[in-house]
Amino acid sequence: SSLAETAGPGASGLSRSVPANSGGGRELIAMVPVQGILCACLVILALMLAGCGEEATTMTTTPVAPAPSTTTTTTTTSTTSTSTTTTTTTTTSTSTTTTTTTTTSTSTTTTFDCHLTPAPTLCSAIPAGDAMARAKIGAGINYACSQGVNCTTCTNTDLSVRGSYIFNEFFHQHIQSGNDACDFKGAGVLSWPKGSKCRPSLQDEEWCPPKAGVASDALAKHLQWICSDGGVDCAAINGGPCVFPKTKDAMYKSEWAYNAYFQKNRATKTSCDFEGSGEVMSSICSLFSDQLTWCRARSGASKQTIGEALAYVCGDGGVLCDRCQNEANKVDWALNEYFKLSWSTAGAKACDFKGVGELSWPPSSPCRPSKKDKEWCLPKEGLSKDELQSNLEWVCGEDPSLCEFVKPGGGCVFPEAMDLEYKAESAFNNYYQKFKDVKGTGACDFNGNARLVPAGNFTITQI
């Protein structure tokens, strides 16, 4: 009962005080060992429970990784714009900890736009090839900038590029002034991009422009008719977006109107006549076979001499060279256009261009013997000029139609050094081909001054 009292509920310790008069000396002595044993047991039990707890924790708990650290990645972009870096960190507090870092960098590089504003007509600066050209362009830029053009958009160091951008901006702000808005005292030049409605379309196989050399009053007459009774809407060239150089304004407008009428009425045979002032041309600028004599660039001519010839033809020569949009055929076409304009008065000299030009003849031309014939009748070699001339006069007297194309203004143009010989060849052969079925080989006698040769076995200048 003493043990029960000692360890029972409400006990504040493992022993209690014994009253002095109880006489329980033996009981006190007996309880001391019991209390020591009890204390020892309690200590051991506590230690065992603590050890089991640690073991249980070790067996059932997954070690937790150290607290994740946040990683920040910084991207530096050297540009004139703002660089923005975004960092996102996600941590999952489970048996596995995952850390994700995402970096997004946005940067913009500023460019200076020097492209010409798209339009049917453009205004560009001349090439800045020499000091005078650069001075003209510079003066034009200063003027345009003083008139309200934003000159800070394009800062290209190439003066022609920057000048073209600024000139074009000014031109379109003042397009109601026409070609004057692209003058800049000679520093500006008009042009038309591919597909512009101001120029003939490459989608058409043939075009109808005015012939070279048509009088200005005739052009004006037909232009007025096309834009009224002809039923063509000419608003684009009359105060519209199609602007042409002042010195060639009438020709450009007439070309536009002639072709517009032609494309609208192609089924009509006379749709490119205009009282003989119009002519059909290939959109790829090939030379037509119905022309008796051609003028083309000589094979082997240098780029420099060709460039000089082209500059003359397209300038003072009066040819609208931008009419041809096919660069592969442009040189031959331009030289031939000038030749067509001038051969009737200048003859072979109209195809000289300081040695760049060369005369040739289409296969169907009556100016040279045809390869379709089996044999040709030609003058014998070594004949004097007098002999050639007398026989030529005899043929032309016998049948004037045989000399129609070789007479002055007839369309057959020959090199000056070979003019008489080529004319005699044409006359002799034309006579023989016409009368061979009647006279046989006697149609190729000419007082013993002619000879028959197999066609193709004799070198002759012909395309």
Foldseek 3Di string as FASTA:
>chain_A
DLQCVQPDPPHPDNHDDDDPPPPVPVVVVVVPVVSVVVVVVVVVVVVVVVVVVVVVCVVPDQDFDPDDDDDADDDDDPAPFDWDWDWDWDFDRDSDTDTDTDIDIDDDHDDQDLDADDAQKFKFFDQCPDPVLLVLLVQLLVVLVVVPQDLPRHDDPRSRSSSRSSLRSQCVVPVLVFPVSRPSVPGMDMDGDQPRLLADHLVDFKFKAFAPPDDLVLLVVVLVCLCPVVPDPLVCLVSRRRGDDPVCSSRSSSRSSLRRQCVVPVVDPCSRDSVNGMDMAGLQLDDDQVQFKFKAFDPPDDPVLLVVLLVCLCPVLPDVLVNHPNPVCSSRSSLRSSCVNPCLPVFPVSRDSPNGMDMAGAQPHLLADHLVDFKFKAFDPPDDLVLLVVLLVVLCVVPVVQQQLLPRPNRRGDPPVCSSRSSSRSSLRSQCVVCCVPCNCVSRDSVNGIDMDGRPPDDDGHD
